[in-house]
C-alpha cells in the first residue's frame, strides 16, 4: 500500500493562512490503513486547526468529508455540489488525491496535508516499512523473493557493499542489509549458485525516469468486463 505521513500543523496552517472557509477531505484507502488520512485523522486536524486559528484570533470555518478513494473520479465526483462553496480544500490523501481533485475542479484551490513516502506494508502494529520502489519491472524472483532495489540503500543488484556488517546496513543500526537476507535465504535453500555470475544491466525504461506511467486494461476500456 501507499504509506504517507502528515505534514506539520504549522505547514498546513501556512498553506491556507488567507482562507476562512475550508473543506478537509479524507480518504478511506491506504492513508486510512496507515492512520494518517481517515475519518479520525480528518476530525483531529479540523479540531486542531480551529483551536490554532482561535488562539491567533482569526476566523475560520471548517467542514469535513471522507471519500471512498481520491484516486478514482467516480468518488471524487461526490463533492461536486459543495466543493465550490469553500475558499480552499485540504486533501488528506496520498499525492494522487489532490491532483485528481485539482484536475476535476479547476476553479478550486487544493492543498496536500500529507507527504507521500513509499510503497510498503505493516511489519508490526503502528510500523510500516518500504518494500517496493515501483520500478515497473519486478525481478524479486532472482533474489529469493526480496527486493534489493527498494530495500538496499544503494539499490545494488550484485551483492552487498563494503559497509554491511553483521547483517546491518551502514546507514543505521535499525536497517537490515537486505543482501545479507538474500544470501542467507539462498544458502538455506541450497541455491547460492543463483546469485553467481554477472547479471545484465537492469532496464529502467519502465521506471519513473521514463516519465509518467500509464496502465491500460483493454478489456475494461472496451467494456468486456
C-alpha atoms as a PDB file:
ATOM      1  CA  UNK A   1       0.000   0.000   0.000  1.00  0.00           C
ATOM      2  CA  UNK A   2       0.974   3.649  -0.271  1.00  0.00           C
ATOM      3  CA  UNK A   3       2.356   4.982   3.003  1.00  0.00           C
ATOM      4  CA  UNK A   4       2.270   8.670   3.955  1.00  0.00           C
ATOM      5  CA  UNK A   5       2.971  10.987   6.880  1.00  0.00           C
ATOM      6  CA  UNK A   6       1.022  14.081   7.887  1.00  0.00           C
ATOM      7  CA  UNK A   7       2.612  17.451   7.401  1.00  0.00           C
ATOM      8  CA  UNK A   8       3.195  19.571  10.477  1.00  0.00           C
ATOM      9  CA  UNK A   9       0.330  21.743  11.671  1.00  0.00           C
ATOM     10  CA  UNK A  10       2.416  24.860  11.089  1.00  0.00           C
ATOM     11  CA  UNK A  11       2.974  23.914   7.447  1.00  0.00           C
ATOM     12  CA  UNK A  12      -0.692  23.170   6.852  1.00  0.00           C
ATOM     13  CA  UNK A  13      -1.805  26.375   8.568  1.00  0.00           C
ATOM     14  CA  UNK A  14       0.642  28.402   6.489  1.00  0.00           C
ATOM     15  CA  UNK A  15      -0.741  26.965   3.235  1.00  0.00           C
ATOM     16  CA  UNK A  16      -4.289  28.128   4.000  1.00  0.00           C
ATOM     17  CA  UNK A  17      -3.405  31.210   6.027  1.00  0.00           C
ATOM     18  CA  UNK A  18      -5.602  33.541   3.987  1.00  0.00           C
ATOM     19  CA  UNK A  19      -8.617  31.216   3.734  1.00  0.00           C
ATOM     20  CA  UNK A  20     -11.592  31.422   6.099  1.00  0.00           C
ATOM     21  CA  UNK A  21     -13.843  28.592   4.872  1.00  0.00           C
ATOM     22  CA  UNK A  22     -12.096  25.266   4.378  1.00  0.00           C
ATOM     23  CA  UNK A  23     -13.073  21.725   3.476  1.00  0.00           C
ATOM     24  CA  UNK A  24     -10.874  18.850   4.654  1.00  0.00           C
ATOM     25  CA  UNK A  25     -11.260  15.723   2.528  1.00  0.00           C
ATOM     26  CA  UNK A  26     -10.029  12.356   3.781  1.00  0.00           C
ATOM     27  CA  UNK A  27      -9.649   9.024   2.013  1.00  0.00           C
ATOM     28  CA  UNK A  28     -10.727   5.531   3.083  1.00  0.00           C
ATOM     29  CA  UNK A  29      -7.883   3.903   1.143  1.00  0.00           C
ATOM     30  CA  UNK A  30      -4.231   3.433   2.052  1.00  0.00           C
ATOM     31  CA  UNK A  31      -3.971   6.502   4.265  1.00  0.00           C
ATOM     32  CA  UNK A  32      -6.771   5.215   6.480  1.00  0.00           C
ATOM     33  CA  UNK A  33      -4.871   1.959   6.957  1.00  0.00           C
ATOM     34  CA  UNK A  34      -1.678   3.780   7.965  1.00  0.00           C
ATOM     35  CA  UNK A  35      -3.641   6.143  10.230  1.00  0.00           C
ATOM     36  CA  UNK A  36      -2.949   9.492   8.608  1.00  0.00           C
ATOM     37  CA  UNK A  37      -5.969  10.327   6.421  1.00  0.00           C
ATOM     38  CA  UNK A  38      -9.085   8.527   7.606  1.00  0.00           C
ATOM     39  CA  UNK A  39     -12.148   9.867   9.404  1.00  0.00           C
ATOM     40  CA  UNK A  40     -10.417  10.082  12.785  1.00  0.00           C
ATOM     41  CA  UNK A  41      -7.413  11.951  11.402  1.00  0.00           C
ATOM     42  CA  UNK A  42      -9.626  14.331   9.412  1.00  0.00           C
ATOM     43  CA  UNK A  43     -11.610  15.224  12.525  1.00  0.00           C
ATOM     44  CA  UNK A  44      -8.439  15.674  14.582  1.00  0.00           C
ATOM     45  CA  UNK A  45      -6.916  18.004  12.002  1.00  0.00           C
ATOM     46  CA  UNK A  46     -10.130  20.032  11.780  1.00  0.00           C
ATOM     47  CA  UNK A  47     -10.303  20.448  15.566  1.00  0.00           C
ATOM     48  CA  UNK A  48      -6.612  21.307  15.824  1.00  0.00           C
ATOM     49  CA  UNK A  49      -6.852  23.922  13.084  1.00  0.00           C
ATOM     50  CA  UNK A  50      -9.872  25.528  14.724  1.00  0.00           C
ATOM     51  CA  UNK A  51      -8.011  25.781  18.032  1.00  0.00           C
ATOM     52  CA  UNK A  52      -4.925  27.231  16.333  1.00  0.00           C
ATOM     53  CA  UNK A  53      -6.954  29.849  14.481  1.00  0.00           C
ATOM     54  CA  UNK A  54      -8.862  30.761  17.642  1.00  0.00           C
ATOM     55  CA  UNK A  55      -5.602  31.310  19.531  1.00  0.00           C
ATOM     56  CA  UNK A  56      -4.435  33.544  16.713  1.00  0.00           C
ATOM     57  CA  UNK A  57      -7.677  35.497  16.883  1.00  0.00           C
ATOM     58  CA  UNK A  58      -8.564  34.663  13.292  1.00  0.00           C
ATOM     59  CA  UNK A  59     -11.881  33.486  11.889  1.00  0.00           C
ATOM     60  CA  UNK A  60     -12.203  30.007  10.353  1.00  0.00           C
ATOM     61  CA  UNK A  61     -14.972  27.621   9.309  1.00  0.00           C
ATOM     62  CA  UNK A  62     -14.087  24.005   8.589  1.00  0.00           C
ATOM     63  CA  UNK A  63     -16.186  21.181   7.190  1.00  0.00           C
ATOM     64  CA  UNK A  64     -15.056  17.593   6.632  1.00  0.00           C
ATOM     65  CA  UNK A  65     -15.696  14.773   4.194  1.00  0.00           C
ATOM     66  CA  UNK A  66     -14.160  11.339   3.684  1.00  0.00           C
ATOM     67  CA  UNK A  67     -14.281   9.745   0.229  1.00  0.00           C
ATOM     68  CA  UNK A  68     -14.019   6.055  -0.542  1.00  0.00           C
ATOM     69  CA  UNK A  69     -10.978   6.864  -2.677  1.00  0.00           C
ATOM     70  CA  UNK A  70      -9.472  10.070  -4.012  1.00  0.00           C
ATOM     71  CA  UNK A  71      -7.712   8.265  -6.862  1.00  0.00           C
ATOM     72  CA  UNK A  72     -10.988   7.447  -8.633  1.00  0.00           C
ATOM     73  CA  UNK A  73     -13.054  10.107 -10.393  1.00  0.00           C
ATOM     74  CA  UNK A  74     -16.235   8.225  -9.561  1.00  0.00           C
ATOM     75  CA  UNK A  75     -15.729   9.018  -5.878  1.00  0.00           C
ATOM     76  CA  UNK A  76     -14.185  12.454  -6.376  1.00  0.00           C
ATOM     77  CA  UNK A  77     -17.438  13.493  -8.055  1.00  0.00           C
ATOM     78  CA  UNK A  78     -19.244  13.045  -4.737  1.00  0.00           C
ATOM     79  CA  UNK A  79     -18.210  16.523  -3.579  1.00  0.00           C
ATOM     80  CA  UNK A  80     -19.085  18.226  -6.875  1.00  0.00           C
ATOM     81  CA  UNK A  81     -22.089  20.094  -5.462  1.00  0.00           C
ATOM     82  CA  UNK A  82     -20.269  21.561  -2.470  1.00  0.00           C
ATOM     83  CA  UNK A  83     -16.584  21.909  -3.404  1.00  0.00           C
ATOM     84  CA  UNK A  84     -17.149  25.379  -4.833  1.00  0.00           C
ATOM     85  CA  UNK A  85     -18.541  26.662  -1.529  1.00  0.00           C
ATOM     86  CA  UNK A  86     -15.084  26.828   0.076  1.00  0.00           C
ATOM     87  CA  UNK A  87     -12.095  29.119  -0.132  1.00  0.00           C
ATOM     88  CA  UNK A  88      -9.757  26.116  -0.127  1.00  0.00           C
ATOM     89  CA  UNK A  89      -9.781  22.327   0.129  1.00  0.00           C
ATOM     90  CA  UNK A  90      -7.224  20.302   2.081  1.00  0.00           C
ATOM     91  CA  UNK A  91      -6.671  16.760   0.848  1.00  0.00           C
ATOM     92  CA  UNK A  92      -5.676  14.089   3.358  1.00  0.00           C
ATOM     93  CA  UNK A  93      -4.758  11.509   0.718  1.00  0.00           C
ATOM     94  CA  UNK A  94      -1.566  10.425  -0.991  1.00  0.00           C
ATOM     95  CA  UNK A  95      -0.192  12.756  -3.655  1.00  0.00           C
ATOM     96  CA  UNK A  96      -2.614  11.340  -6.203  1.00  0.00           C
ATOM     97  CA  UNK A  97      -5.650  12.644  -4.325  1.00  0.00           C
ATOM     98  CA  UNK A  98      -5.114  16.422  -4.525  1.00  0.00           C
ATOM     99  CA  UNK A  99      -4.082  16.035  -8.174  1.00  0.00           C
ATOM    100  CA  UNK A 100      -7.304  14.242  -9.103  1.00  0.00           C
ATOM    101  CA  UNK A 101      -9.242  16.896  -7.221  1.00  0.00           C
ATOM    102  CA  UNK A 102      -7.346  19.710  -8.961  1.00  0.00           C
ATOM    103  CA  UNK A 103      -7.892  18.180 -12.392  1.00  0.00           C
ATOM    104  CA  UNK A 104     -11.625  17.778 -11.847  1.00  0.00           C
ATOM    105  CA  UNK A 105     -12.322  21.080 -10.102  1.00  0.00           C
ATOM    106  CA  UNK A 106     -10.148  23.571 -11.937  1.00  0.00           C
ATOM    107  CA  UNK A 107     -11.520  26.686 -10.223  1.00  0.00           C
ATOM    108  CA  UNK A 108     -10.785  25.475  -6.694  1.00  0.00           C
ATOM    109  CA  UNK A 109      -7.524  25.579  -4.716  1.00  0.00           C
ATOM    110  CA  UNK A 110      -6.320  22.289  -3.213  1.00  0.00           C
ATOM    111  CA  UNK A 111      -3.615  21.725  -0.625  1.00  0.00           C
ATOM    112  CA  UNK A 112      -1.907  18.480   0.470  1.00  0.00           C
ATOM    113  CA  UNK A 113      -1.946  17.652   4.177  1.00  0.00           C
ATOM    114  CA  UNK A 114       0.241  14.582   3.714  1.00  0.00           C
ATOM    115  CA  UNK A 115       3.714  13.715   2.456  1.00  0.00           C
ATOM    116  CA  UNK A 116       3.632  10.505   0.395  1.00  0.00           C
ATOM    117  CA  UNK A 117       6.634   8.394   1.322  1.00  0.00           C
ATOM    118  CA  UNK A 118       6.722   4.851  -0.115  1.00  0.00           C
ATOM    119  CA  UNK A 119       5.028   1.564  -1.081  1.00  0.00           C
ATOM    120  CA  UNK A 120       5.146  -0.738   1.899  1.00  0.00           C
ATOM    121  CA  UNK A 121       3.411  -2.867   4.457  1.00  0.00           C
ATOM    122  CA  UNK A 122       2.890  -3.228   8.192  1.00  0.00           C
ATOM    123  CA  UNK A 123       5.689  -5.134   9.926  1.00  0.00           C
ATOM    124  CA  UNK A 124       4.187  -4.656  13.386  1.00  0.00           C
ATOM    125  CA  UNK A 125       1.414  -2.614  14.963  1.00  0.00           C
ATOM    126  CA  UNK A 126       1.943   1.018  14.020  1.00  0.00           C
ATOM    127  CA  UNK A 127       5.071   0.323  11.950  1.00  0.00           C
ATOM    128  CA  UNK A 128       5.218   0.386   8.139  1.00  0.00           C
ATOM    129  CA  UNK A 129       8.292  -0.380   6.057  1.00  0.00           C
ATOM    130  CA  UNK A 130       9.156   0.117   2.399  1.00  0.00           C
ATOM    131  CA  UNK A 131       9.067  -2.971   0.208  1.00  0.00           C
ATOM    132  CA  UNK A 132       8.629  -1.730  -3.376  1.00  0.00           C
ATOM    133  CA  UNK A 133      10.127   1.082  -5.464  1.00  0.00           C
ATOM    134  CA  UNK A 134       7.546   0.833  -8.235  1.00  0.00           C
ATOM    135  CA  UNK A 135      10.229   0.371 -10.901  1.00  0.00           C
ATOM    136  CA  UNK A 136       7.759  -1.333 -13.254  1.00  0.00           C
ATOM    137  CA  UNK A 137       9.906  -4.401 -13.929  1.00  0.00           C
ATOM    138  CA  UNK A 138       9.800  -6.733 -10.922  1.00  0.00           C
ATOM    139  CA  UNK A 139      12.743  -9.113 -10.588  1.00  0.00           C
ATOM    140  CA  UNK A 140      12.476 -10.304  -6.981  1.00  0.00           C
ATOM    141  CA  UNK A 141      12.417 -13.908  -8.213  1.00  0.00           C
ATOM    142  CA  UNK A 142      16.137 -13.508  -8.847  1.00  0.00           C
ATOM    143  CA  UNK A 143      16.752 -12.540  -5.227  1.00  0.00           C
ATOM    144  CA  UNK A 144      14.834 -15.035  -3.155  1.00  0.00           C
ATOM    145  CA  UNK A 145      11.628 -13.015  -3.350  1.00  0.00           C
ATOM    146  CA  UNK A 146      13.264  -9.949  -1.768  1.00  0.00           C
ATOM    147  CA  UNK A 147      13.794  -6.573  -3.441  1.00  0.00           C
ATOM    148  CA  UNK A 148      17.299  -5.081  -3.402  1.00  0.00           C
ATOM    149  CA  UNK A 149      16.125  -2.057  -5.381  1.00  0.00           C
ATOM    150  CA  UNK A 150      13.752  -0.794  -2.702  1.00  0.00           C
ATOM    151  CA  UNK A 151      15.410  -2.316   0.348  1.00  0.00           C
ATOM    152  CA  UNK A 152      19.124  -1.780  -0.333  1.00  0.00           C
ATOM    153  CA  UNK A 153      20.201   1.784   0.449  1.00  0.00           C
ATOM    154  CA  UNK A 154      22.231   1.773  -2.777  1.00  0.00           C
ATOM    155  CA  UNK A 155      19.870  -0.436  -4.853  1.00  0.00           C
ATOM    156  CA  UNK A 156      22.732  -2.827  -5.563  1.00  0.00           C
ATOM    157  CA  UNK A 157      21.958  -5.823  -7.769  1.00  0.00           C
ATOM    158  CA  UNK A 158      25.102  -7.937  -7.424  1.00  0.00           C
ATOM    159  CA  UNK A 159      25.649  -8.253  -3.690  1.00  0.00           C
ATOM    160  CA  UNK A 160      26.266  -6.230  -0.530  1.00  0.00           C
ATOM    161  CA  UNK A 161      28.522  -3.194  -0.364  1.00  0.00           C
ATOM    162  CA  UNK A 162      31.545  -2.925   1.887  1.00  0.00           C
ATOM    163  CA  UNK A 163      29.560  -1.043   4.519  1.00  0.00           C
ATOM    164  CA  UNK A 164      27.398  -4.003   5.504  1.00  0.00           C
ATOM    165  CA  UNK A 165      28.332  -5.539   8.853  1.00  0.00           C
ATOM    166  CA  UNK A 166      26.718  -8.409  10.770  1.00  0.00           C
ATOM    167  CA  UNK A 167      23.602  -8.187   8.653  1.00  0.00           C
ATOM    168  CA  UNK A 168      23.124  -4.474   9.299  1.00  0.00           C
ATOM    169  CA  UNK A 169      23.186  -1.673   6.714  1.00  0.00           C
ATOM    170  CA  UNK A 170      25.717   1.095   7.255  1.00  0.00           C
ATOM    171  CA  UNK A 171      23.071   3.830   7.104  1.00  0.00           C
ATOM    172  CA  UNK A 172      21.795   2.981  10.613  1.00  0.00           C
ATOM    173  CA  UNK A 173      21.606   0.096  13.071  1.00  0.00           C
ATOM    174  CA  UNK A 174      17.854  -0.339  12.590  1.00  0.00           C
ATOM    175  CA  UNK A 175      18.124  -1.138   8.882  1.00  0.00           C
ATOM    176  CA  UNK A 176      18.865  -4.680   7.859  1.00  0.00           C
ATOM    177  CA  UNK A 177      21.214  -5.383   4.997  1.00  0.00           C
ATOM    178  CA  UNK A 178      18.776  -6.909   2.551  1.00  0.00           C
ATOM    179  CA  UNK A 179      21.646  -8.588   0.735  1.00  0.00           C
ATOM    180  CA  UNK A 180      22.534 -10.445   3.915  1.00  0.00           C
ATOM    181  CA  UNK A 181      18.956 -11.728   3.985  1.00  0.00           C
ATOM    182  CA  UNK A 182      19.045 -12.636   0.293  1.00  0.00           C
ATOM    183  CA  UNK A 183      22.304 -14.579   0.581  1.00  0.00           C
ATOM    184  CA  UNK A 184      21.206 -16.299   3.787  1.00  0.00           C
ATOM    185  CA  UNK A 185      17.931 -17.430   2.222  1.00  0.00           C
ATOM    186  CA  UNK A 186      19.665 -18.758  -0.894  1.00  0.00           C
ATOM    187  CA  UNK A 187      22.196 -20.647   1.231  1.00  0.00           C
ATOM    188  CA  UNK A 188      19.440 -22.196   3.338  1.00  0.00           C
ATOM    189  CA  UNK A 189      17.689 -23.292   0.160  1.00  0.00           C
ATOM    190  CA  UNK A 190      20.924 -24.701  -1.265  1.00  0.00           C
ATOM    191  CA  UNK A 191      20.640 -22.332  -4.222  1.00  0.00           C
ATOM    192  CA  UNK A 192      23.528 -19.929  -3.687  1.00  0.00           C
ATOM    193  CA  UNK A 193      24.584 -20.528  -7.284  1.00  0.00           C
ATOM    194  CA  UNK A 194      21.574 -18.425  -8.332  1.00  0.00           C
ATOM    195  CA  UNK A 195      23.490 -15.359  -7.184  1.00  0.00           C
ATOM    196  CA  UNK A 196      26.723 -16.182  -9.004  1.00  0.00           C
ATOM    197  CA  UNK A 197      27.729 -14.580 -12.265  1.00  0.00           C
ATOM    198  CA  UNK A 198      27.156 -11.091 -13.628  1.00  0.00           C
ATOM    199  CA  UNK A 199      23.560 -10.126 -14.380  1.00  0.00           C
ATOM    200  CA  UNK A 200      22.595  -7.994 -17.333  1.00  0.00           C
ATOM    201  CA  UNK A 201      22.090  -4.308 -16.550  1.00  0.00           C
ATOM    202  CA  UNK A 202      18.547  -3.565 -15.414  1.00  0.00           C
ATOM    203  CA  UNK A 203      16.380  -1.680 -17.862  1.00  0.00           C
ATOM    204  CA  UNK A 204      14.905   1.412 -16.222  1.00  0.00           C
ATOM    205  CA  UNK A 205      12.572   2.161 -19.139  1.00  0.00           C
ATOM    206  CA  UNK A 206       9.589   1.136 -17.038  1.00  0.00           C
ATOM    207  CA  UNK A 207      10.607   3.274 -14.067  1.00  0.00           C
ATOM    208  CA  UNK A 208       9.718   6.874 -13.267  1.00  0.00           C
ATOM    209  CA  UNK A 209      12.752   8.018 -15.269  1.00  0.00           C
ATOM    210  CA  UNK A 210      10.732   7.376 -18.428  1.00  0.00           C
ATOM    211  CA  UNK A 211       8.098   9.940 -17.465  1.00  0.00           C
ATOM    212  CA  UNK A 212       4.595   9.498 -16.002  1.00  0.00           C
ATOM    213  CA  UNK A 213       3.453   5.911 -16.459  1.00  0.00           C
ATOM    214  CA  UNK A 214       0.089   4.583 -17.605  1.00  0.00           C
ATOM    215  CA  UNK A 215      -1.529   1.173 -17.200  1.00  0.00           C
ATOM    216  CA  UNK A 216      -4.355   0.226 -19.578  1.00  0.00           C
ATOM    217  CA  UNK A 217      -6.684  -2.774 -19.239  1.00  0.00           C
ATOM    218  CA  UNK A 218      -8.140  -3.107 -22.730  1.00  0.00           C
ATOM    219  CA  UNK A 219     -10.937  -5.429 -21.580  1.00  0.00           C
ATOM    220  CA  UNK A 220     -12.146  -2.708 -19.204  1.00  0.00           C
ATOM    221  CA  UNK A 221     -11.749   0.095 -21.714  1.00  0.00           C
ATOM    222  CA  UNK A 222     -13.737  -1.879 -24.283  1.00  0.00           C
ATOM    223  CA  UNK A 223     -16.396  -2.777 -21.741  1.00  0.00           C
ATOM    224  CA  UNK A 224     -15.872  -6.526 -21.919  1.00  0.00           C
ATOM    225  CA  UNK A 225     -15.781  -6.797 -18.116  1.00  0.00           C
END
